[in-house]
PDB file of all heavy atoms in Angstrom:
ATOM      1  N   SER A   1       0.828  -1.207  -0.001  1.00  0.00           N
ATOM      2  CA  SER A   1      -0.001  -0.002   0.003  1.00  0.00           C
ATOM      3  C   SER A   1       0.865   1.257   0.000  1.00  0.00           C
ATOM      4  O   SER A   1       0.539   2.244  -0.678  1.00  0.00           O
ATOM      5  CB  SER A   1      -0.926   0.000   1.228  1.00  0.00           C
ATOM      6  OG  SER A   1      -1.776  -1.125   1.216  1.00  0.00           O
ATOM      7  N   ALA A   2       1.954   1.238   0.762  1.00  0.00           N
ATOM      8  CA  ALA A   2       2.855   2.381   0.795  1.00  0.00           C
ATOM      9  C   ALA A   2       3.482   2.609  -0.583  1.00  0.00           C
ATOM     10  O   ALA A   2       3.646   3.760  -1.025  1.00  0.00           O
ATOM     11  CB  ALA A   2       3.939   2.163   1.844  1.00  0.00           C
ATOM     12  N   GLU A   3       3.833   1.519  -1.270  1.00  0.00           N
ATOM     13  CA  GLU A   3       4.403   1.652  -2.612  1.00  0.00           C
ATOM     14  C   GLU A   3       3.406   2.336  -3.560  1.00  0.00           C
ATOM     15  O   GLU A   3       3.758   3.231  -4.330  1.00  0.00           O
ATOM     16  CB  GLU A   3       4.790   0.285  -3.171  1.00  0.00           C
ATOM     17  CG  GLU A   3       5.381   0.367  -4.572  1.00  0.00           C
ATOM     18  CD  GLU A   3       5.446  -0.981  -5.274  1.00  0.00           C
ATOM     19  OE1 GLU A   3       4.901  -1.959  -4.749  1.00  0.00           O
ATOM     20  OE2 GLU A   3       6.024  -1.028  -6.385  1.00  0.00           O
ATOM     21  N   ALA A   4       2.129   1.906  -3.504  1.00  0.00           N
ATOM     22  CA  ALA A   4       1.121   2.511  -4.364  1.00  0.00           C
ATOM     23  C   ALA A   4       0.947   3.998  -4.038  1.00  0.00           C
ATOM     24  O   ALA A   4       0.820   4.838  -4.942  1.00  0.00           O
ATOM     25  CB  ALA A   4      -0.202   1.769  -4.204  1.00  0.00           C
ATOM     26  N   TYR A   5       0.943   4.313  -2.741  1.00  0.00           N
ATOM     27  CA  TYR A   5       0.791   5.717  -2.321  1.00  0.00           C
ATOM     28  C   TYR A   5       1.968   6.565  -2.809  1.00  0.00           C
ATOM     29  O   TYR A   5       1.781   7.649  -3.375  1.00  0.00           O
ATOM     30  CB  TYR A   5       0.690   5.779  -0.799  1.00  0.00           C
ATOM     31  CG  TYR A   5       0.709   7.182  -0.242  1.00  0.00           C
ATOM     32  CD1 TYR A   5      -0.464   7.929  -0.157  1.00  0.00           C
ATOM     33  CD2 TYR A   5       1.900   7.755   0.187  1.00  0.00           C
ATOM     34  CE1 TYR A   5      -0.443   9.230   0.349  1.00  0.00           C
ATOM     35  CE2 TYR A   5       1.932   9.060   0.688  1.00  0.00           C
ATOM     36  CZ  TYR A   5       0.758   9.791   0.764  1.00  0.00           C
ATOM     37  OH  TYR A   5       0.787  11.063   1.253  1.00  0.00           O
ATOM     38  N   VAL A   6       3.185   6.084  -2.599  1.00  0.00           N
ATOM     39  CA  VAL A   6       4.383   6.851  -2.982  1.00  0.00           C
ATOM     40  C   VAL A   6       4.467   6.979  -4.498  1.00  0.00           C
ATOM     41  O   VAL A   6       4.840   8.045  -5.028  1.00  0.00           O
ATOM     42  CB  VAL A   6       5.644   6.189  -2.401  1.00  0.00           C
ATOM     43  CG1 VAL A   6       6.908   6.838  -2.969  1.00  0.00           C
ATOM     44  CG2 VAL A   6       5.641   6.288  -0.881  1.00  0.00           C
ATOM     45  N   THR A   7       4.132   5.928  -5.220  1.00  0.00           N
ATOM     46  CA  THR A   7       4.175   5.987  -6.677  1.00  0.00           C
ATOM     47  C   THR A   7       3.228   7.059  -7.212  1.00  0.00           C
ATOM     48  O   THR A   7       3.600   7.859  -8.083  1.00  0.00           O
ATOM     49  CB  THR A   7       3.812   4.611  -7.269  1.00  0.00           C
ATOM     50  OG1 THR A   7       4.781   3.650  -6.851  1.00  0.00           O
ATOM     51  CG2 THR A   7       3.775   4.663  -8.788  1.00  0.00           C
ATOM     52  N   ALA A   8       2.004   7.086  -6.688  1.00  0.00           N
ATOM     53  CA  ALA A   8       1.045   8.102  -7.128  1.00  0.00           C
ATOM     54  C   ALA A   8       1.522   9.508  -6.779  1.00  0.00           C
ATOM     55  O   ALA A   8       1.390  10.446  -7.581  1.00  0.00           O
ATOM     56  CB  ALA A   8      -0.316   7.831  -6.485  1.00  0.00           C
ATOM     57  N   LEU A   9       2.094   9.648  -5.579  1.00  0.00           N
ATOM     58  CA  LEU A   9       2.597  10.950  -5.154  1.00  0.00           C
ATOM     59  C   LEU A   9       3.739  11.426  -6.039  1.00  0.00           C
ATOM     60  O   LEU A   9       3.772  12.590  -6.479  1.00  0.00           O
ATOM     61  CB  LEU A   9       3.046  10.861  -3.693  1.00  0.00           C
ATOM     62  CG  LEU A   9       3.602  12.131  -3.047  1.00  0.00           C
ATOM     63  CD1 LEU A   9       2.562  13.226  -3.023  1.00  0.00           C
ATOM     64  CD2 LEU A   9       4.099  11.832  -1.631  1.00  0.00           C
ATOM     65  N   LYS A  10       4.673  10.540  -6.350  1.00  0.00           N
ATOM     66  CA  LYS A  10       5.817  10.914  -7.176  1.00  0.00           C
ATOM     67  C   LYS A  10       5.402  11.228  -8.610  1.00  0.00           C
ATOM     68  O   LYS A  10       5.968  12.120  -9.255  1.00  0.00           O
ATOM     69  CB  LYS A  10       6.869   9.803  -7.138  1.00  0.00           C
ATOM     70  CG  LYS A  10       7.683   9.756  -5.860  1.00  0.00           C
ATOM     71  CD  LYS A  10       8.822   8.767  -5.987  1.00  0.00           C
ATOM     72  CE  LYS A  10       9.843   8.933  -4.905  1.00  0.00           C
ATOM     73  NZ  LYS A  10      10.994   8.010  -5.082  1.00  0.00           N
ATOM     74  N   LYS A  11       4.446  10.487  -9.110  1.00  0.00           N
ATOM     75  CA  LYS A  11       3.953  10.779 -10.468  1.00  0.00           C
ATOM     76  C   LYS A  11       3.365  12.186 -10.510  1.00  0.00           C
ATOM     77  O   LYS A  11       3.603  12.939 -11.462  1.00  0.00           O
ATOM     78  CB  LYS A  11       2.909   9.745 -10.880  1.00  0.00           C
ATOM     79  CG  LYS A  11       3.500   8.410 -11.301  1.00  0.00           C
ATOM     80  CD  LYS A  11       2.398   7.451 -11.750  1.00  0.00           C
ATOM     81  CE  LYS A  11       2.990   6.137 -12.252  1.00  0.00           C
ATOM     82  NZ  LYS A  11       1.925   5.177 -12.672  1.00  0.00           N
ATOM     83  N   ARG A  12       2.611  12.547  -9.493  1.00  0.00           N
ATOM     84  CA  ARG A  12       2.010  13.872  -9.454  1.00  0.00           C
ATOM     85  C   ARG A  12       3.068  14.959  -9.351  1.00  0.00           C
ATOM     86  O   ARG A  12       2.904  16.047  -9.897  1.00  0.00           O
ATOM     87  CB  ARG A  12       1.039  13.952  -8.273  1.00  0.00           C
ATOM     88  CG  ARG A  12       0.352  15.299  -8.133  1.00  0.00           C
ATOM     89  CD  ARG A  12      -0.838  15.217  -7.177  1.00  0.00           C
ATOM     90  NE  ARG A  12      -0.468  14.760  -5.859  1.00  0.00           N
ATOM     91  CZ  ARG A  12       0.078  15.540  -4.919  1.00  0.00           C
ATOM     92  NH1 ARG A  12       0.340  16.820  -5.193  1.00  0.00           N
ATOM     93  NH2 ARG A  12       0.358  15.059  -3.738  1.00  0.00           N
ATOM     94  N   LEU A  13       4.164  14.668  -8.656  1.00  0.00           N
ATOM     95  CA  LEU A  13       5.237  15.645  -8.479  1.00  0.00           C
ATOM     96  C   LEU A  13       6.312  15.550  -9.560  1.00  0.00           C
ATOM     97  O   LEU A  13       7.305  16.285  -9.521  1.00  0.00           O
ATOM     98  CB  LEU A  13       5.886  15.444  -7.103  1.00  0.00           C
ATOM     99  CG  LEU A  13       4.970  15.673  -5.888  1.00  0.00           C
ATOM    100  CD1 LEU A  13       5.692  15.299  -4.610  1.00  0.00           C
ATOM    101  CD2 LEU A  13       4.481  17.119  -5.833  1.00  0.00           C
ATOM    102  N   HIS A  14       6.129  14.600 -10.509  1.00  0.00           N
ATOM    103  CA  HIS A  14       7.081  14.393 -11.612  1.00  0.00           C
ATOM    104  C   HIS A  14       8.483  14.048 -11.089  1.00  0.00           C
ATOM    105  O   HIS A  14       9.498  14.584 -11.546  1.00  0.00           O
ATOM    106  CB  HIS A  14       7.141  15.635 -12.524  1.00  0.00           C
ATOM    107  CG  HIS A  14       5.801  16.034 -13.063  1.00  0.00           C
ATOM    108  ND1 HIS A  14       5.133  15.282 -14.014  1.00  0.00           N
ATOM    109  CD2 HIS A  14       4.992  17.100 -12.764  1.00  0.00           C
ATOM    110  CE1 HIS A  14       3.961  15.866 -14.297  1.00  0.00           C
ATOM    111  NE2 HIS A  14       3.858  16.970 -13.544  1.00  0.00           N
ATOM    112  N   LEU A  15       8.518  13.151 -10.107  1.00  0.00           N
ATOM    113  CA  LEU A  15       9.778  12.694  -9.522  1.00  0.00           C
ATOM    114  C   LEU A  15      10.092  11.284 -10.014  1.00  0.00           C
ATOM    115  O   LEU A  15       9.174  10.520 -10.346  1.00  0.00           O
ATOM    116  CB  LEU A  15       9.688  12.687  -7.996  1.00  0.00           C
ATOM    117  CG  LEU A  15       9.502  14.035  -7.312  1.00  0.00           C
ATOM    118  CD1 LEU A  15       9.234  13.843  -5.822  1.00  0.00           C
ATOM    119  CD2 LEU A  15      10.725  14.926  -7.525  1.00  0.00           C
ATOM    120  N   PRO A  16      11.390  10.906 -10.076  1.00  0.00           N
ATOM    121  CA  PRO A  16      11.734   9.510 -10.425  1.00  0.00           C
ATOM    122  C   PRO A  16      11.053   8.552  -9.455  1.00  0.00           C
ATOM    123  O   PRO A  16      10.989   8.807  -8.250  1.00  0.00           O
ATOM    124  CB  PRO A  16      13.254   9.481 -10.273  1.00  0.00           C
ATOM    125  CG  PRO A  16      13.694  10.901 -10.376  1.00  0.00           C
ATOM    126  CD  PRO A  16      12.574  11.729  -9.804  1.00  0.00           C
ATOM    127  N   LEU A  17      10.550   7.451  -9.999  1.00  0.00           N
ATOM    128  CA  LEU A  17       9.738   6.558  -9.175  1.00  0.00           C
ATOM    129  C   LEU A  17      10.548   5.700  -8.228  1.00  0.00           C
ATOM    130  O   LEU A  17      10.155   5.478  -7.087  1.00  0.00           O
ATOM    131  CB  LEU A  17       8.877   5.667 -10.073  1.00  0.00           C
ATOM    132  CG  LEU A  17       7.796   6.387 -10.872  1.00  0.00           C
ATOM    133  CD1 LEU A  17       6.973   5.380 -11.651  1.00  0.00           C
ATOM    134  CD2 LEU A  17       6.888   7.198  -9.948  1.00  0.00           C
ATOM    135  N   HIS A  18      11.691   5.157  -8.673  1.00  0.00           N
ATOM    136  CA  HIS A  18      12.394   4.159  -7.859  1.00  0.00           C
ATOM    137  C   HIS A  18      13.884   4.436  -7.845  1.00  0.00           C
ATOM    138  O   HIS A  18      14.451   5.000  -8.780  1.00  0.00           O
ATOM    139  CB  HIS A  18      12.146   2.750  -8.397  1.00  0.00           C
ATOM    140  CG  HIS A  18      10.709   2.379  -8.456  1.00  0.00           C
ATOM    141  ND1 HIS A  18       9.944   2.208  -7.328  1.00  0.00           N
ATOM    142  CD2 HIS A  18       9.879   2.152  -9.511  1.00  0.00           C
ATOM    143  CE1 HIS A  18       8.695   1.895  -7.669  1.00  0.00           C
ATOM    144  NE2 HIS A  18       8.637   1.858  -8.986  1.00  0.00           N
ATOM    145  N   LYS A  19      14.508   4.042  -6.762  1.00  0.00           N
ATOM    146  CA  LYS A  19      15.964   4.093  -6.678  1.00  0.00           C
ATOM    147  C   LYS A  19      16.558   2.872  -7.346  1.00  0.00           C
ATOM    148  O   LYS A  19      15.873   1.882  -7.607  1.00  0.00           O
ATOM    149  CB  LYS A  19      16.422   4.162  -5.219  1.00  0.00           C
ATOM    150  CG  LYS A  19      16.229   2.882  -4.415  1.00  0.00           C
ATOM    151  CD  LYS A  19      16.668   3.084  -2.982  1.00  0.00           C
ATOM    152  CE  LYS A  19      16.535   1.797  -2.162  1.00  0.00           C
ATOM    153  NZ  LYS A  19      17.510   0.787  -2.536  1.00  0.00           N
ATOM    154  N   THR A  20      17.861   2.899  -7.603  1.00  0.00           N
ATOM    155  CA  THR A  20      18.548   1.752  -8.177  1.00  0.00           C
ATOM    156  C   THR A  20      18.677   0.661  -7.131  1.00  0.00           C
ATOM    157  O   THR A  20      19.102   0.927  -6.000  1.00  0.00           O
ATOM    158  CB  THR A  20      19.951   2.145  -8.674  1.00  0.00           C
ATOM    159  OG1 THR A  20      19.803   3.204  -9.618  1.00  0.00           O
ATOM    160  CG2 THR A  20      20.660   0.963  -9.310  1.00  0.00           C
ATOM    161  N   PRO A  21      18.276  -0.576  -7.445  1.00  0.00           N
ATOM    162  CA  PRO A  21      18.402  -1.656  -6.459  1.00  0.00           C
ATOM    163  C   PRO A  21      19.843  -1.814  -5.984  1.00  0.00           C
ATOM    164  O   PRO A  21      20.780  -1.748  -6.776  1.00  0.00           O
ATOM    165  CB  PRO A  21      17.929  -2.896  -7.222  1.00  0.00           C
ATOM    166  CG  PRO A  21      17.101  -2.365  -8.344  1.00  0.00           C
ATOM    167  CD  PRO A  21      17.717  -1.051  -8.707  1.00  0.00           C
ATOM    168  N   THR A  22      20.005  -1.992  -4.664  1.00  0.00           N
ATOM    169  CA  THR A  22      21.333  -2.199  -4.094  1.00  0.00           C
ATOM    170  C   THR A  22      21.296  -3.348  -3.126  1.00  0.00           C
ATOM    171  O   THR A  22      20.251  -3.753  -2.647  1.00  0.00           O
ATOM    172  CB  THR A  22      21.815  -0.940  -3.337  1.00  0.00           C
ATOM    173  OG1 THR A  22      20.889  -0.644  -2.299  1.00  0.00           O
ATOM    174  CG2 THR A  22      21.933   0.253  -4.266  1.00  0.00           C
ATOM    175  N   VAL A  23      22.468  -3.860  -2.813  1.00  0.00           N
ATOM    176  CA  VAL A  23      22.607  -4.908  -1.815  1.00  0.00           C
ATOM    177  C   VAL A  23      23.585  -4.419  -0.767  1.00  0.00           C
ATOM    178  O   VAL A  23      24.667  -3.928  -1.113  1.00  0.00           O
ATOM    179  CB  VAL A  23      23.101  -6.231  -2.436  1.00  0.00           C
ATOM    180  CG1 VAL A  23      23.328  -7.262  -1.345  1.00  0.00           C
ATOM    181  CG2 VAL A  23      22.103  -6.733  -3.463  1.00  0.00           C
ATOM    182  N   LYS A  24      23.228  -4.499   0.482  1.00  0.00           N
ATOM    183  CA  LYS A  24      24.098  -4.053   1.570  1.00  0.00           C
ATOM    184  C   LYS A  24      25.363  -4.884   1.603  1.00  0.00           C
ATOM    185  O   LYS A  24      25.329  -6.088   1.493  1.00  0.00           O
ATOM    186  CB  LYS A  24      23.361  -4.149   2.911  1.00  0.00           C
ATOM    187  CG  LYS A  24      24.226  -3.725   4.097  1.00  0.00           C
ATOM    188  CD  LYS A  24      23.428  -3.806   5.374  1.00  0.00           C
ATOM    189  CE  LYS A  24      24.309  -3.511   6.581  1.00  0.00           C
ATOM    190  NZ  LYS A  24      24.811  -2.166   6.612  1.00  0.00           N
ATOM    191  N   GLN A  25      26.506  -4.187   1.762  1.00  0.00           N
ATOM    192  CA  GLN A  25      27.785  -4.869   1.868  1.00  0.00           C
ATOM    193  C   GLN A  25      28.250  -4.857   3.310  1.00  0.00           C
ATOM    194  O   GLN A  25      27.917  -3.961   4.075  1.00  0.00           O
ATOM    195  CB  GLN A  25      28.823  -4.181   0.976  1.00  0.00           C
ATOM    196  CG  GLN A  25      28.433  -4.142  -0.498  1.00  0.00           C
ATOM    197  CD  GLN A  25      28.343  -5.536  -1.092  1.00  0.00           C
ATOM    198  OE1 GLN A  25      29.175  -6.396  -0.785  1.00  0.00           O
ATOM    199  NE2 GLN A  25      27.353  -5.751  -1.930  1.00  0.00           N
ATOM    200  N   GLY A  26      29.063  -5.834   3.687  1.00  0.00           N
ATOM    201  CA  GLY A  26      29.633  -5.850   5.021  1.00  0.00           C
ATOM    202  C   GLY A  26      28.763  -6.585   6.015  1.00  0.00           C
ATOM    203  O   GLY A  26      27.714  -7.116   5.674  1.00  0.00           O
ATOM    204  N   PRO A  27      29.184  -6.618   7.291  1.00  0.00           N
ATOM    205  CA  PRO A  27      28.472  -7.410   8.295  1.00  0.00           C
ATOM    206  C   PRO A  27      27.154  -6.784   8.678  1.00  0.00           C
ATOM    207  O   PRO A  27      26.985  -5.578   8.652  1.00  0.00           O
ATOM    208  CB  PRO A  27      29.443  -7.396   9.480  1.00  0.00           C
ATOM    209  CG  PRO A  27      30.198  -6.113   9.319  1.00  0.00           C
ATOM    210  CD  PRO A  27      30.346  -5.915   7.839  1.00  0.00           C
ATOM    211  N   THR A  28      26.180  -7.615   9.031  1.00  0.00           N
ATOM    212  CA  THR A  28      24.929  -7.125   9.578  1.00  0.00           C
ATOM    213  C   THR A  28      25.150  -6.803  11.040  1.00  0.00           C
ATOM    214  O   THR A  28      26.168  -7.141  11.633  1.00  0.00           O
ATOM    215  CB  THR A  28      23.827  -8.189   9.444  1.00  0.00           C
ATOM    216  OG1 THR A  28      24.203  -9.332  10.209  1.00  0.00           O
ATOM    217  CG2 THR A  28      23.620  -8.581   7.997  1.00  0.00           C
ATOM    218  N   SER A  29      24.153  -6.144  11.651  1.00  0.00           N
ATOM    219  CA  SER A  29      24.315  -5.748  13.049  1.00  0.00           C
ATOM    220  C   SER A  29      24.171  -6.924  13.997  1.00  0.00           C
ATOM    221  O   SER A  29      24.533  -6.834  15.148  1.00  0.00           O
ATOM    222  CB  SER A  29      23.277  -4.667  13.395  1.00  0.00           C
ATOM    223  OG  SER A  29      21.975  -5.188  13.259  1.00  0.00           O
ATOM    224  N   LYS A  30      23.606  -8.031  13.505  1.00  0.00           N
ATOM    225  CA  LYS A  30      23.453  -9.213  14.343  1.00  0.00           C
ATOM    226  C   LYS A  30      24.145 -10.378  13.667  1.00  0.00           C
ATOM    227  O   LYS A  30      23.931 -10.666  12.494  1.00  0.00           O
ATOM    228  CB  LYS A  30      21.973  -9.548  14.565  1.00  0.00           C
ATOM    229  CG  LYS A  30      21.250  -8.510  15.415  1.00  0.00           C
ATOM    230  CD  LYS A  30      21.751  -8.514  16.828  1.00  0.00           C
ATOM    231  CE  LYS A  30      21.044  -7.490  17.681  1.00  0.00           C
ATOM    232  NZ  LYS A  30      21.590  -7.385  19.011  1.00  0.00           N
ATOM    233  N   LEU A  31      24.969 -11.058  14.400  1.00  0.00           N
ATOM    234  CA  LEU A  31      25.718 -12.178  13.855  1.00  0.00           C
ATOM    235  C   LEU A  31      25.166 -13.488  14.377  1.00  0.00           C
ATOM    236  O   LEU A  31      24.539 -13.526  15.426  1.00  0.00           O
ATOM    237  CB  LEU A  31      27.192 -12.049  14.255  1.00  0.00           C
ATOM    238  CG  LEU A  31      27.895 -10.801  13.720  1.00  0.00           C
ATOM    239  CD1 LEU A  31      29.200 -10.613  14.455  1.00  0.00           C
ATOM    240  CD2 LEU A  31      28.125 -10.922  12.227  1.00  0.00           C
ATOM    241  N   PRO A  32      25.395 -14.593  13.667  1.00  0.00           N
ATOM    242  CA  PRO A  32      24.986 -15.891  14.204  1.00  0.00           C
ATOM    243  C   PRO A  32      25.704 -16.153  15.520  1.00  0.00           C
ATOM    244  O   PRO A  32      26.729 -15.561  15.815  1.00  0.00           O
ATOM    245  CB  PRO A  32      25.432 -16.880  13.117  1.00  0.00           C
ATOM    246  CG  PRO A  32      25.617 -16.065  11.896  1.00  0.00           C
ATOM    247  CD  PRO A  32      26.034 -14.701  12.359  1.00  0.00           C
ATOM    248  N   THR A  33      25.171 -17.049  16.289  1.00  0.00           N
ATOM    249  CA  THR A  33      25.731 -17.309  17.605  1.00  0.00           C
ATOM    250  C   THR A  33      26.304 -18.700  17.706  1.00  0.00           C
ATOM    251  O   THR A  33      25.795 -19.659  17.136  1.00  0.00           O
ATOM    252  CB  THR A  33      24.650 -17.147  18.681  1.00  0.00           C
ATOM    253  OG1 THR A  33      23.563 -18.009  18.353  1.00  0.00           O
ATOM    254  CG2 THR A  33      24.142 -15.715  18.741  1.00  0.00           C
ATOM    255  N   ALA A  34      27.408 -18.798  18.451  1.00  0.00           N
ATOM    256  CA  ALA A  34      27.977 -20.115  18.715  1.00  0.00           C
ATOM    257  C   ALA A  34      27.059 -20.866  19.667  1.00  0.00           C
ATOM    258  O   ALA A  34      26.291 -20.288  20.418  1.00  0.00           O
ATOM    259  CB  ALA A  34      29.374 -19.962  19.337  1.00  0.00           C
ATOM    260  N   SER A  35      27.151 -22.160  19.656  1.00  0.00           N
ATOM    261  CA  SER A  35      26.256 -22.985  20.478  1.00  0.00           C
ATOM    262  C   SER A  35      26.506 -22.730  21.953  1.00  0.00           C
ATOM    263  O   SER A  35      27.624 -22.521  22.388  1.00  0.00           O
ATOM    264  CB  SER A  35      26.519 -24.459  20.173  1.00  0.00           C
ATOM    265  OG  SER A  35      25.838 -25.281  21.091  1.00  0.00           O
ATOM    266  N   THR A  36      25.403 -22.729  22.734  1.00  0.00           N
ATOM    267  CA  THR A  36      25.550 -22.610  24.181  1.00  0.00           C
ATOM    268  C   THR A  36      25.543 -23.961  24.863  1.00  0.00           C
ATOM    269  O   THR A  36      25.599 -24.053  26.067  1.00  0.00           O
ATOM    270  CB  THR A  36      24.390 -21.765  24.761  1.00  0.00           C
ATOM    271  OG1 THR A  36      23.153 -22.402  24.425  1.00  0.00           O
ATOM    272  CG2 THR A  36      24.407 -20.357  24.209  1.00  0.00           C
ATOM    273  N   SER A  37      25.468 -25.043  24.095  1.00  0.00           N
ATOM    274  CA  SER A  37      25.513 -26.368  24.685  1.00  0.00           C
ATOM    275  C   SER A  37      26.947 -26.748  25.000  1.00  0.00           C
ATOM    276  O   SER A  37      27.889 -26.067  24.623  1.00  0.00           O
ATOM    277  CB  SER A  37      24.897 -27.386  23.713  1.00  0.00           C
ATOM    278  OG  SER A  37      25.625 -27.407  22.511  1.00  0.00           O
ATOM    279  N   GLN A  38      27.123 -27.857  25.704  1.00  0.00           N
ATOM    280  CA  GLN A  38      28.459 -28.266  26.114  1.00  0.00           C
ATOM    281  C   GLN A  38      29.335 -28.492  24.887  1.00  0.00           C
ATOM    282  O   GLN A  38      28.925 -29.073  23.898  1.00  0.00           O
ATOM    283  CB  GLN A  38      28.390 -29.539  26.948  1.00  0.00           C
ATOM    284  CG  GLN A  38      29.739 -29.906  27.556  1.00  0.00           C
ATOM    285  CD  GLN A  38      29.612 -31.012  28.557  1.00  0.00           C
ATOM    286  OE1 GLN A  38      28.550 -31.540  28.777  1.00  0.00           O
ATOM    287  NE2 GLN A  38      30.725 -31.370  29.190  1.00  0.00           N
ATOM    288  N   HIS A  39      30.564 -28.009  24.975  1.00  0.00           N
ATOM    289  CA  HIS A  39      31.481 -28.066  23.843  1.00  0.00           C
ATOM    290  C   HIS A  39      31.838 -29.504  23.486  1.00  0.00           C
ATOM    291  O   HIS A  39      32.162 -30.302  24.340  1.00  0.00           O
ATOM    292  CB  HIS A  39      32.751 -27.291  24.195  1.00  0.00           C
ATOM    293  CG  HIS A  39      33.779 -27.307  23.122  1.00  0.00           C
ATOM    294  ND1 HIS A  39      33.470 -27.092  21.800  1.00  0.00           N
ATOM    295  CD2 HIS A  39      35.116 -27.517  23.178  1.00  0.00           C
ATOM    296  CE1 HIS A  39      34.598 -27.157  21.079  1.00  0.00           C
ATOM    297  NE2 HIS A  39      35.592 -27.413  21.896  1.00  0.00           N
ATOM    298  N   THR A  40      31.731 -29.812  22.177  1.00  0.00           N
ATOM    299  CA  THR A  40      32.030 -31.172  21.732  1.00  0.00           C
ATOM    300  C   THR A  40      33.121 -31.219  20.670  1.00  0.00           C
ATOM    301  O   THR A  40      33.324 -32.240  20.050  1.00  0.00           O
ATOM    302  CB  THR A  40      30.769 -31.842  21.159  1.00  0.00           C
ATOM    303  OG1 THR A  40      30.241 -31.026  20.092  1.00  0.00           O
ATOM    304  CG2 THR A  40      29.707 -31.999  22.230  1.00  0.00           C
ATOM    305  N   GLY A  41      33.823 -30.121  20.441  1.00  0.00           N
ATOM    306  CA  GLY A  41      34.943 -30.193  19.514  1.00  0.00           C
ATOM    307  C   GLY A  41      35.117 -28.980  18.637  1.00  0.00           C
ATOM    308  O   GLY A  41      36.227 -28.536  18.401  1.00  0.00           O
ATOM    309  N   LYS A  42      34.026 -28.382  18.148  1.00  0.00           N
ATOM    310  CA  LYS A  42      34.118 -27.234  17.272  1.00  0.00           C
ATOM    311  C   LYS A  42      33.174 -26.138  17.755  1.00  0.00           C
ATOM    312  O   LYS A  42      31.974 -26.327  17.840  1.00  0.00           O
ATOM    313  CB  LYS A  42      33.742 -27.619  15.833  1.00  0.00           C
ATOM    314  CG  LYS A  42      34.769 -28.501  15.136  1.00  0.00           C
ATOM    315  CD  LYS A  42      36.040 -27.728  14.792  1.00  0.00           C
ATOM    316  CE  LYS A  42      37.028 -28.563  14.005  1.00  0.00           C
ATOM    317  NZ  LYS A  42      38.263 -27.841  13.707  1.00  0.00           N
TER     318      LYS A  42
END
């Protein structure tokens, strides 16, 4: 719904509709976690 709203708004204002698709580089703010169970080797 937000996409439809913004698209209509931008068309009325004669603005470019979409940004160039990108992919985030580098680490995310949350990393996987090591096991909390008893250590068995790795």
